[in-house]
Amino acid sequence: MANKTFHDSELEHVPAVMLGGPIDGKRYRMPVFPGGGIPTAFSTPLQQPHESSPKAVYLREGDTPISGYYVYFFDRIADSYSAPVLHETPERHRI
């Protein structure tokens, strides 16, 4: 099965906040892929180059937003081979 790519304008975005860990308090516009629902986890590299960087892993708490934001709590630091990563969070997704 071929991977489908999406342009940013084709995606819905929801506001999300990360709590705890190395990116505590950061807010993002979390992309939602068609038919995929709100992501249950988020990981981001902590260093450059991102391919070999450890990642901060956050897990979503609950199914409804709190004060307009989906809340993700820090879970762990994963090595570069443990978790998929958003290669880099584009500025347009930061709130």
PDB file of N, CA and C in Angstrom:
ATOM      1  N   MET A   1       0.837  -1.174   0.000  1.00  0.00           N
ATOM      2  CA  MET A   1       0.000   0.000   0.000  1.00  0.00           C
ATOM      3  C   MET A   1       0.890   1.248   0.000  1.00  0.00           C
ATOM      4  N   ALA A   2       0.648   2.148  -0.906  1.00  0.00           N
ATOM      5  CA  ALA A   2       1.443   3.368  -1.019  1.00  0.00           C
ATOM      6  C   ALA A   2       1.081   4.347   0.084  1.00  0.00           C
ATOM      7  N   ASN A   3       2.090   5.078   0.566  1.00  0.00           N
ATOM      8  CA  ASN A   3       1.832   6.124   1.557  1.00  0.00           C
ATOM      9  C   ASN A   3       1.187   7.309   0.877  1.00  0.00           C
ATOM     10  N   LYS A   4       0.140   7.841   1.495  1.00  0.00           N
ATOM     11  CA  LYS A   4      -0.526   9.025   0.955  1.00  0.00           C
ATOM     12  C   LYS A   4       0.079  10.236   1.633  1.00  0.00           C
ATOM     13  N   THR A   5       0.338  11.251   0.853  1.00  0.00           N
ATOM     14  CA  THR A   5       0.825  12.498   1.426  1.00  0.00           C
ATOM     15  C   THR A   5      -0.285  13.521   1.383  1.00  0.00           C
ATOM     16  N   PHE A   6      -0.239  14.443   2.308  1.00  0.00           N
ATOM     17  CA  PHE A   6      -1.258  15.478   2.407  1.00  0.00           C
ATOM     18  C   PHE A   6      -0.599  16.835   2.445  1.00  0.00           C
ATOM     19  N   HIS A   7      -1.229  17.800   1.816  1.00  0.00           N
ATOM     20  CA  HIS A   7      -0.803  19.186   1.927  1.00  0.00           C
ATOM     21  C   HIS A   7      -1.430  19.748   3.201  1.00  0.00           C
ATOM     22  N   ASP A   8      -0.736  20.655   3.860  1.00  0.00           N
ATOM     23  CA  ASP A   8      -1.217  21.222   5.118  1.00  0.00           C
ATOM     24  C   ASP A   8      -2.647  21.755   5.010  1.00  0.00           C
ATOM     25  N   SER A   9      -3.003  22.313   3.876  1.00  0.00           N
ATOM     26  CA  SER A   9      -4.346  22.890   3.709  1.00  0.00           C
ATOM     27  C   SER A   9      -5.436  21.814   3.663  1.00  0.00           C
ATOM     28  N   GLU A  10      -5.059  20.543   3.448  1.00  0.00           N
ATOM     29  CA  GLU A  10      -6.029  19.449   3.419  1.00  0.00           C
ATOM     30  C   GLU A  10      -6.334  18.897   4.805  1.00  0.00           C
ATOM     31  N   LEU A  11      -5.564  19.310   5.801  1.00  0.00           N
ATOM     32  CA  LEU A  11      -5.698  18.754   7.138  1.00  0.00           C
ATOM     33  C   LEU A  11      -6.480  19.680   8.064  1.00  0.00           C
ATOM     34  N   GLU A  12      -7.232  19.069   8.948  1.00  0.00           N
ATOM     35  CA  GLU A  12      -7.844  19.808  10.041  1.00  0.00           C
ATOM     36  C   GLU A  12      -6.759  19.942  11.110  1.00  0.00           C
ATOM     37  N   HIS A  13      -6.832  20.983  11.907  1.00  0.00           N
ATOM     38  CA  HIS A  13      -5.889  21.170  13.006  1.00  0.00           C
ATOM     39  C   HIS A  13      -6.669  21.445  14.277  1.00  0.00           C
ATOM     40  N   VAL A  14      -6.172  20.912  15.396  1.00  0.00           N
ATOM     41  CA  VAL A  14      -6.795  21.163  16.689  1.00  0.00           C
ATOM     42  C   VAL A  14      -5.729  21.733  17.628  1.00  0.00           C
ATOM     43  N   PRO A  15      -6.127  22.618  18.543  1.00  0.00           N
ATOM     44  CA  PRO A  15      -5.163  23.171  19.487  1.00  0.00           C
ATOM     45  C   PRO A  15      -4.768  22.129  20.532  1.00  0.00           C
ATOM     46  N   ALA A  16      -3.479  22.072  20.850  1.00  0.00           N
ATOM     47  CA  ALA A  16      -2.965  21.114  21.825  1.00  0.00           C
ATOM     48  C   ALA A  16      -1.924  21.798  22.700  1.00  0.00           C
ATOM     49  N   VAL A  17      -1.826  21.352  23.944  1.00  0.00           N
ATOM     50  CA  VAL A  17      -0.817  21.866  24.872  1.00  0.00           C
ATOM     51  C   VAL A  17      -0.073  20.681  25.470  1.00  0.00           C
ATOM     52  N   MET A  18       1.255  20.824  25.599  1.00  0.00           N
ATOM     53  CA  MET A  18       2.100  19.789  26.182  1.00  0.00           C
ATOM     54  C   MET A  18       2.398  20.173  27.629  1.00  0.00           C
ATOM     55  N   LEU A  19       2.184  19.244  28.555  1.00  0.00           N
ATOM     56  CA  LEU A  19       2.431  19.524  29.965  1.00  0.00           C
ATOM     57  C   LEU A  19       3.491  18.588  30.532  1.00  0.00           C
ATOM     58  N   GLY A  20       4.435  19.164  31.278  1.00  0.00           N
ATOM     59  CA  GLY A  20       5.523  18.414  31.872  1.00  0.00           C
ATOM     60  C   GLY A  20       6.649  18.201  30.876  1.00  0.00           C
ATOM     61  N   GLY A  21       7.752  17.681  31.373  1.00  0.00           N
ATOM     62  CA  GLY A  21       8.870  17.345  30.502  1.00  0.00           C
ATOM     63  C   GLY A  21       9.546  18.538  29.864  1.00  0.00           C
ATOM     64  N   PRO A  22      10.362  18.278  28.840  1.00  0.00           N
ATOM     65  CA  PRO A  22      11.209  19.315  28.256  1.00  0.00           C
ATOM     66  C   PRO A  22      10.483  20.383  27.448  1.00  0.00           C
ATOM     67  N   ILE A  23       9.262  20.134  27.002  1.00  0.00           N
ATOM     68  CA  ILE A  23       8.555  21.185  26.247  1.00  0.00           C
ATOM     69  C   ILE A  23       7.291  21.622  26.989  1.00  0.00           C
ATOM     70  N   ASP A  24       7.351  21.605  28.306  1.00  0.00           N
ATOM     71  CA  ASP A  24       6.225  21.988  29.153  1.00  0.00           C
ATOM     72  C   ASP A  24       5.658  23.342  28.740  1.00  0.00           C
ATOM     73  N   GLY A  25       4.347  23.358  28.556  1.00  0.00           N
ATOM     74  CA  GLY A  25       3.660  24.604  28.241  1.00  0.00           C
ATOM     75  C   GLY A  25       3.606  24.966  26.770  1.00  0.00           C
ATOM     76  N   LYS A  26       4.319  24.255  25.919  1.00  0.00           N
ATOM     77  CA  LYS A  26       4.283  24.570  24.482  1.00  0.00           C
ATOM     78  C   LYS A  26       2.904  24.247  23.922  1.00  0.00           C
ATOM     79  N   ARG A  27       2.453  25.097  23.033  1.00  0.00           N
ATOM     80  CA  ARG A  27       1.150  24.916  22.393  1.00  0.00           C
ATOM     81  C   ARG A  27       1.350  24.754  20.898  1.00  0.00           C
ATOM     82  N   TYR A  28       0.565  23.860  20.331  1.00  0.00           N
ATOM     83  CA  TYR A  28       0.687  23.528  18.914  1.00  0.00           C
ATOM     84  C   TYR A  28      -0.675  23.442  18.257  1.00  0.00           C
ATOM     85  N   ARG A  29      -0.674  23.569  16.951  1.00  0.00           N
ATOM     86  CA  ARG A  29      -1.834  23.210  16.125  1.00  0.00           C
ATOM     87  C   ARG A  29      -1.549  21.795  15.656  1.00  0.00           C
ATOM     88  N   MET A  30      -2.199  20.821  16.281  1.00  0.00           N
ATOM     89  CA  MET A  30      -1.942  19.408  16.003  1.00  0.00           C
ATOM     90  C   MET A  30      -2.673  19.007  14.715  1.00  0.00           C
ATOM     91  N   PRO A  31      -1.956  18.501  13.704  1.00  0.00           N
ATOM     92  CA  PRO A  31      -2.627  18.069  12.473  1.00  0.00           C
ATOM     93  C   PRO A  31      -3.436  16.795  12.714  1.00  0.00           C
ATOM     94  N   VAL A  32      -4.589  16.737  12.086  1.00  0.00           N
ATOM     95  CA  VAL A  32      -5.462  15.559  12.175  1.00  0.00           C
ATOM     96  C   VAL A  32      -5.616  15.009  10.762  1.00  0.00           C
ATOM     97  N   PHE A  33      -5.160  13.788  10.538  1.00  0.00           N
ATOM     98  CA  PHE A  33      -5.234  13.190   9.217  1.00  0.00           C
ATOM     99  C   PHE A  33      -6.642  12.690   8.933  1.00  0.00           C
ATOM    100  N   PRO A  34      -7.105  12.801   7.703  1.00  0.00           N
ATOM    101  CA  PRO A  34      -8.459  12.361   7.363  1.00  0.00           C
ATOM    102  C   PRO A  34      -8.719  10.933   7.824  1.00  0.00           C
ATOM    103  N   GLY A  35      -9.810  10.756   8.551  1.00  0.00           N
ATOM    104  CA  GLY A  35     -10.198   9.444   9.045  1.00  0.00           C
ATOM    105  C   GLY A  35      -9.368   8.943  10.211  1.00  0.00           C
ATOM    106  N   GLY A  36      -8.439   9.762  10.707  1.00  0.00           N
ATOM    107  CA  GLY A  36      -7.528   9.291  11.738  1.00  0.00           C
ATOM    108  C   GLY A  36      -7.882   9.682  13.158  1.00  0.00           C
ATOM    109  N   GLY A  37      -8.724  10.668  13.339  1.00  0.00           N
ATOM    110  CA  GLY A  37      -9.048  11.118  14.686  1.00  0.00           C
ATOM    111  C   GLY A  37      -7.927  11.949  15.295  1.00  0.00           C
ATOM    112  N   ILE A  38      -8.184  12.448  16.489  1.00  0.00           N
ATOM    113  CA  ILE A  38      -7.196  13.260  17.202  1.00  0.00           C
ATOM    114  C   ILE A  38      -6.043  12.348  17.631  1.00  0.00           C
ATOM    115  N   PRO A  39      -4.800  12.710  17.334  1.00  0.00           N
ATOM    116  CA  PRO A  39      -3.670  11.857  17.709  1.00  0.00           C
ATOM    117  C   PRO A  39      -3.638  11.576  19.215  1.00  0.00           C
ATOM    118  N   THR A  40      -3.322  10.335  19.583  1.00  0.00           N
ATOM    119  CA  THR A  40      -3.259   9.952  20.996  1.00  0.00           C
ATOM    120  C   THR A  40      -1.859  10.142  21.575  1.00  0.00           C
ATOM    121  N   ALA A  41      -0.870  10.364  20.711  1.00  0.00           N
ATOM    122  CA  ALA A  41       0.502  10.560  21.179  1.00  0.00           C
ATOM    123  C   ALA A  41       1.197  11.578  20.284  1.00  0.00           C
ATOM    124  N   PHE A  42       2.261  12.147  20.818  1.00  0.00           N
ATOM    125  CA  PHE A  42       3.045  13.159  20.120  1.00  0.00           C
ATOM    126  C   PHE A  42       4.495  12.951  20.542  1.00  0.00           C
ATOM    127  N   SER A  43       5.417  12.987  19.610  1.00  0.00           N
ATOM    128  CA  SER A  43       6.831  12.947  19.969  1.00  0.00           C
ATOM    129  C   SER A  43       7.572  13.986  19.149  1.00  0.00           C
ATOM    130  N   THR A  44       8.608  14.528  19.753  1.00  0.00           N
ATOM    131  CA  THR A  44       9.382  15.573  19.089  1.00  0.00           C
ATOM    132  C   THR A  44      10.855  15.420  19.442  1.00  0.00           C
ATOM    133  N   PRO A  45      11.758  15.655  18.476  1.00  0.00           N
ATOM    134  CA  PRO A  45      13.185  15.527  18.764  1.00  0.00           C
ATOM    135  C   PRO A  45      13.648  16.624  19.723  1.00  0.00           C
ATOM    136  N   LEU A  46      14.649  16.287  20.522  1.00  0.00           N
ATOM    137  CA  LEU A  46      15.178  17.247  21.489  1.00  0.00           C
ATOM    138  C   LEU A  46      16.496  17.869  21.041  1.00  0.00           C
ATOM    139  N   GLN A  47      17.079  17.340  19.967  1.00  0.00           N
ATOM    140  CA  GLN A  47      18.364  17.840  19.464  1.00  0.00           C
ATOM    141  C   GLN A  47      18.366  17.756  17.951  1.00  0.00           C
ATOM    142  N   GLN A  48      19.393  18.335  17.373  1.00  0.00           N
ATOM    143  CA  GLN A  48      19.649  18.201  15.947  1.00  0.00           C
ATOM    144  C   GLN A  48      20.939  17.403  15.788  1.00  0.00           C
ATOM    145  N   PRO A  49      21.093  16.565  14.806  1.00  0.00           N
ATOM    146  CA  PRO A  49      20.100  16.254  13.777  1.00  0.00           C
ATOM    147  C   PRO A  49      18.960  15.417  14.361  1.00  0.00           C
ATOM    148  N   HIS A  50      17.770  15.642  13.861  1.00  0.00           N
ATOM    149  CA  HIS A  50      16.584  14.998  14.423  1.00  0.00           C
ATOM    150  C   HIS A  50      16.573  13.486  14.236  1.00  0.00           C
ATOM    151  N   GLU A  51      17.244  12.990  13.200  1.00  0.00           N
ATOM    152  CA  GLU A  51      17.216  11.556  12.934  1.00  0.00           C
ATOM    153  C   GLU A  51      17.821  10.728  14.071  1.00  0.00           C
ATOM    154  N   SER A  52      18.831  11.251  14.740  1.00  0.00           N
ATOM    155  CA  SER A  52      19.496  10.496  15.798  1.00  0.00           C
ATOM    156  C   SER A  52      19.228  11.063  17.191  1.00  0.00           C
ATOM    157  N   SER A  53      18.303  11.974  17.294  1.00  0.00           N
ATOM    158  CA  SER A  53      18.017  12.651  18.561  1.00  0.00           C
ATOM    159  C   SER A  53      17.084  11.843  19.453  1.00  0.00           C
ATOM    160  N   PRO A  54      17.289  11.914  20.775  1.00  0.00           N
ATOM    161  CA  PRO A  54      16.253  11.387  21.670  1.00  0.00           C
ATOM    162  C   PRO A  54      14.976  12.219  21.488  1.00  0.00           C
ATOM    163  N   LYS A  55      13.854  11.624  21.819  1.00  0.00           N
ATOM    164  CA  LYS A  55      12.569  12.303  21.611  1.00  0.00           C
ATOM    165  C   LYS A  55      11.786  12.383  22.905  1.00  0.00           C
ATOM    166  N   ALA A  56      11.102  13.503  23.084  1.00  0.00           N
ATOM    167  CA  ALA A  56      10.160  13.640  24.195  1.00  0.00           C
ATOM    168  C   ALA A  56       8.836  13.073  23.714  1.00  0.00           C
ATOM    169  N   VAL A  57       8.261  12.152  24.481  1.00  0.00           N
ATOM    170  CA  VAL A  57       7.004  11.506  24.108  1.00  0.00           C
ATOM    171  C   VAL A  57       5.906  11.985  25.047  1.00  0.00           C
ATOM    172  N   TYR A  58       4.805  12.417  24.465  1.00  0.00           N
ATOM    173  CA  TYR A  58       3.645  12.906  25.212  1.00  0.00           C
ATOM    174  C   TYR A  58       2.425  12.085  24.825  1.00  0.00           C
ATOM    175  N   LEU A  59       1.555  11.810  25.801  1.00  0.00           N
ATOM    176  CA  LEU A  59       0.327  11.055  25.557  1.00  0.00           C
ATOM    177  C   LEU A  59      -0.876  11.921  25.870  1.00  0.00           C
ATOM    178  N   ARG A  60      -1.894  11.822  25.012  1.00  0.00           N
ATOM    179  CA  ARG A  60      -3.104  12.618  25.192  1.00  0.00           C
ATOM    180  C   ARG A  60      -3.901  12.117  26.386  1.00  0.00           C
ATOM    181  N   GLU A  61      -4.429  13.039  27.146  1.00  0.00           N
ATOM    182  CA  GLU A  61      -5.275  12.728  28.290  1.00  0.00           C
ATOM    183  C   GLU A  61      -6.713  13.095  27.932  1.00  0.00           C
ATOM    184  N   GLY A  62      -7.595  12.121  27.932  1.00  0.00           N
ATOM    185  CA  GLY A  62      -9.009  12.378  27.673  1.00  0.00           C
ATOM    186  C   GLY A  62      -9.345  12.536  26.205  1.00  0.00           C
ATOM    187  N   ASP A  63     -10.643  12.563  25.957  1.00  0.00           N
ATOM    188  CA  ASP A  63     -11.136  12.644  24.581  1.00  0.00           C
ATOM    189  C   ASP A  63     -11.739  13.997  24.229  1.00  0.00           C
ATOM    190  N   THR A  64     -11.798  14.898  25.198  1.00  0.00           N
ATOM    191  CA  THR A  64     -12.376  16.215  24.937  1.00  0.00           C
ATOM    192  C   THR A  64     -11.386  17.295  25.346  1.00  0.00           C
ATOM    193  N   PRO A  65     -11.429  18.419  24.659  1.00  0.00           N
ATOM    194  CA  PRO A  65     -10.513  19.509  25.003  1.00  0.00           C
ATOM    195  C   PRO A  65     -10.853  20.105  26.372  1.00  0.00           C
ATOM    196  N   ILE A  66      -9.840  20.657  27.016  1.00  0.00           N
ATOM    197  CA  ILE A  66     -10.000  21.376  28.275  1.00  0.00           C
ATOM    198  C   ILE A  66      -9.631  22.824  27.994  1.00  0.00           C
ATOM    199  N   SER A  67     -10.567  23.713  28.251  1.00  0.00           N
ATOM    200  CA  SER A  67     -10.363  25.149  27.944  1.00  0.00           C
ATOM    201  C   SER A  67      -9.913  25.335  26.499  1.00  0.00           C
ATOM    202  N   GLY A  68     -10.450  24.505  25.601  1.00  0.00           N
ATOM    203  CA  GLY A  68     -10.170  24.649  24.177  1.00  0.00           C
ATOM    204  C   GLY A  68      -8.947  23.906  23.672  1.00  0.00           C
ATOM    205  N   TYR A  69      -8.193  23.226  24.542  1.00  0.00           N
ATOM    206  CA  TYR A  69      -6.978  22.529  24.142  1.00  0.00           C
ATOM    207  C   TYR A  69      -7.050  21.048  24.465  1.00  0.00           C
ATOM    208  N   TYR A  70      -6.567  20.222  23.539  1.00  0.00           N
ATOM    209  CA  TYR A  70      -6.336  18.817  23.863  1.00  0.00           C
ATOM    210  C   TYR A  70      -5.048  18.792  24.686  1.00  0.00           C
ATOM    211  N   VAL A  71      -5.058  18.051  25.773  1.00  0.00           N
ATOM    212  CA  VAL A  71      -3.942  18.065  26.718  1.00  0.00           C
ATOM    213  C   VAL A  71      -3.112  16.785  26.560  1.00  0.00           C
ATOM    214  N   TYR A  72      -1.812  16.973  26.399  1.00  0.00           N
ATOM    215  CA  TYR A  72      -0.857  15.874  26.285  1.00  0.00           C
ATOM    216  C   TYR A  72       0.114  15.975  27.452  1.00  0.00           C
ATOM    217  N   PHE A  73       0.286  14.871  28.190  1.00  0.00           N
ATOM    218  CA  PHE A  73       1.195  14.837  29.327  1.00  0.00           C
ATOM    219  C   PHE A  73       2.481  14.113  28.964  1.00  0.00           C
ATOM    220  N   PHE A  74       3.583  14.619  29.487  1.00  0.00           N
ATOM    221  CA  PHE A  74       4.884  14.007  29.261  1.00  0.00           C
ATOM    222  C   PHE A  74       4.868  12.565  29.758  1.00  0.00           C
ATOM    223  N   ASP A  75       5.376  11.650  28.924  1.00  0.00           N
ATOM    224  CA  ASP A  75       5.429  10.237  29.280  1.00  0.00           C
ATOM    225  C   ASP A  75       6.857   9.764  29.510  1.00  0.00           C
ATOM    226  N   ARG A  76       7.762  10.100  28.569  1.00  0.00           N
ATOM    227  CA  ARG A  76       9.130   9.594  28.687  1.00  0.00           C
ATOM    228  C   ARG A  76      10.023  10.249  27.627  1.00  0.00           C
ATOM    229  N   ILE A  77      11.311  10.001  27.792  1.00  0.00           N
ATOM    230  CA  ILE A  77      12.291  10.315  26.748  1.00  0.00           C
ATOM    231  C   ILE A  77      12.590   8.994  26.060  1.00  0.00           C
ATOM    232  N   ALA A  78      12.443   8.959  24.751  1.00  0.00           N
ATOM    233  CA  ALA A  78      12.702   7.743  23.978  1.00  0.00           C
ATOM    234  C   ALA A  78      13.960   7.957  23.149  1.00  0.00           C
ATOM    235  N   ASP A  79      14.730   6.880  22.965  1.00  0.00           N
ATOM    236  CA  ASP A  79      15.896   7.025  22.103  1.00  0.00           C
ATOM    237  C   ASP A  79      15.429   7.177  20.663  1.00  0.00           C
ATOM    238  N   SER A  80      16.354   7.410  19.780  1.00  0.00           N
ATOM    239  CA  SER A  80      15.990   7.744  18.399  1.00  0.00           C
ATOM    240  C   SER A  80      15.303   6.614  17.653  1.00  0.00           C
ATOM    241  N   TYR A  81      15.312   5.395  18.222  1.00  0.00           N
ATOM    242  CA  TYR A  81      14.705   4.269  17.511  1.00  0.00           C
ATOM    243  C   TYR A  81      13.404   3.801  18.150  1.00  0.00           C
ATOM    244  N   SER A  82      12.957   4.449  19.232  1.00  0.00           N
ATOM    245  CA  SER A  82      11.805   3.953  19.987  1.00  0.00           C
ATOM    246  C   SER A  82      10.459   4.500  19.550  1.00  0.00           C
ATOM    247  N   ALA A  83      10.419   5.678  18.987  1.00  0.00           N
ATOM    248  CA  ALA A  83       9.123   6.297  18.700  1.00  0.00           C
ATOM    249  C   ALA A  83       9.179   7.042  17.384  1.00  0.00           C
ATOM    250  N   PRO A  84       8.077   7.027  16.655  1.00  0.00           N
ATOM    251  CA  PRO A  84       8.031   7.854  15.440  1.00  0.00           C
ATOM    252  C   PRO A  84       8.068   9.324  15.847  1.00  0.00           C
ATOM    253  N   VAL A  85       8.479  10.153  14.946  1.00  0.00           N
ATOM    254  CA  VAL A  85       8.668  11.562  15.288  1.00  0.00           C
ATOM    255  C   VAL A  85       8.094  12.459  14.210  1.00  0.00           C
ATOM    256  N   LEU A  86       7.599  13.614  14.619  1.00  0.00           N
ATOM    257  CA  LEU A  86       7.340  14.691  13.676  1.00  0.00           C
ATOM    258  C   LEU A  86       8.714  15.309  13.475  1.00  0.00           C
ATOM    259  N   HIS A  87       9.242  15.254  12.274  1.00  0.00           N
ATOM    260  CA  HIS A  87      10.629  15.646  12.045  1.00  0.00           C
ATOM    261  C   HIS A  87      10.940  17.020  12.596  1.00  0.00           C
ATOM    262  N   GLU A  88      10.044  17.941  12.405  1.00  0.00           N
ATOM    263  CA  GLU A  88      10.217  19.266  12.976  1.00  0.00           C
ATOM    264  C   GLU A  88       8.840  19.904  12.979  1.00  0.00           C
ATOM    265  N   THR A  89       8.504  20.528  14.070  1.00  0.00           N
ATOM    266  CA  THR A  89       7.201  21.173  14.146  1.00  0.00           C
ATOM    267  C   THR A  89       7.300  22.521  13.447  1.00  0.00           C
ATOM    268  N   PRO A  90       6.616  22.670  12.312  1.00  0.00           N
ATOM    269  CA  PRO A  90       6.696  23.940  11.589  1.00  0.00           C
ATOM    270  C   PRO A  90       6.119  25.076  12.436  1.00  0.00           C
ATOM    271  N   GLU A  91       6.657  26.260  12.251  1.00  0.00           N
ATOM    272  CA  GLU A  91       6.172  27.433  12.989  1.00  0.00           C
ATOM    273  C   GLU A  91       4.673  27.619  12.837  1.00  0.00           C
ATOM    274  N   ARG A  92       4.124  27.288  11.688  1.00  0.00           N
ATOM    275  CA  ARG A  92       2.686  27.513  11.472  1.00  0.00           C
ATOM    276  C   ARG A  92       1.818  26.653  12.388  1.00  0.00           C
ATOM    277  N   HIS A  93       2.398  25.622  13.010  1.00  0.00           N
ATOM    278  CA  HIS A  93       1.629  24.772  13.924  1.00  0.00           C
ATOM    279  C   HIS A  93       1.769  25.195  15.378  1.00  0.00           C
ATOM    280  N   ARG A  94       2.675  26.117  15.647  1.00  0.00           N
ATOM    281  CA  ARG A  94       2.843  26.599  17.016  1.00  0.00           C
ATOM    282  C   ARG A  94       1.821  27.680  17.299  1.00  0.00           C
ATOM    283  N   ILE A  95       1.322  27.660  18.509  1.00  0.00           N
ATOM    284  CA  ILE A  95       0.305  28.662  18.886  1.00  0.00           C
ATOM    285  C   ILE A  95       0.948  29.686  19.786  1.00  0.00           C
TER     286      ILE A  95
END
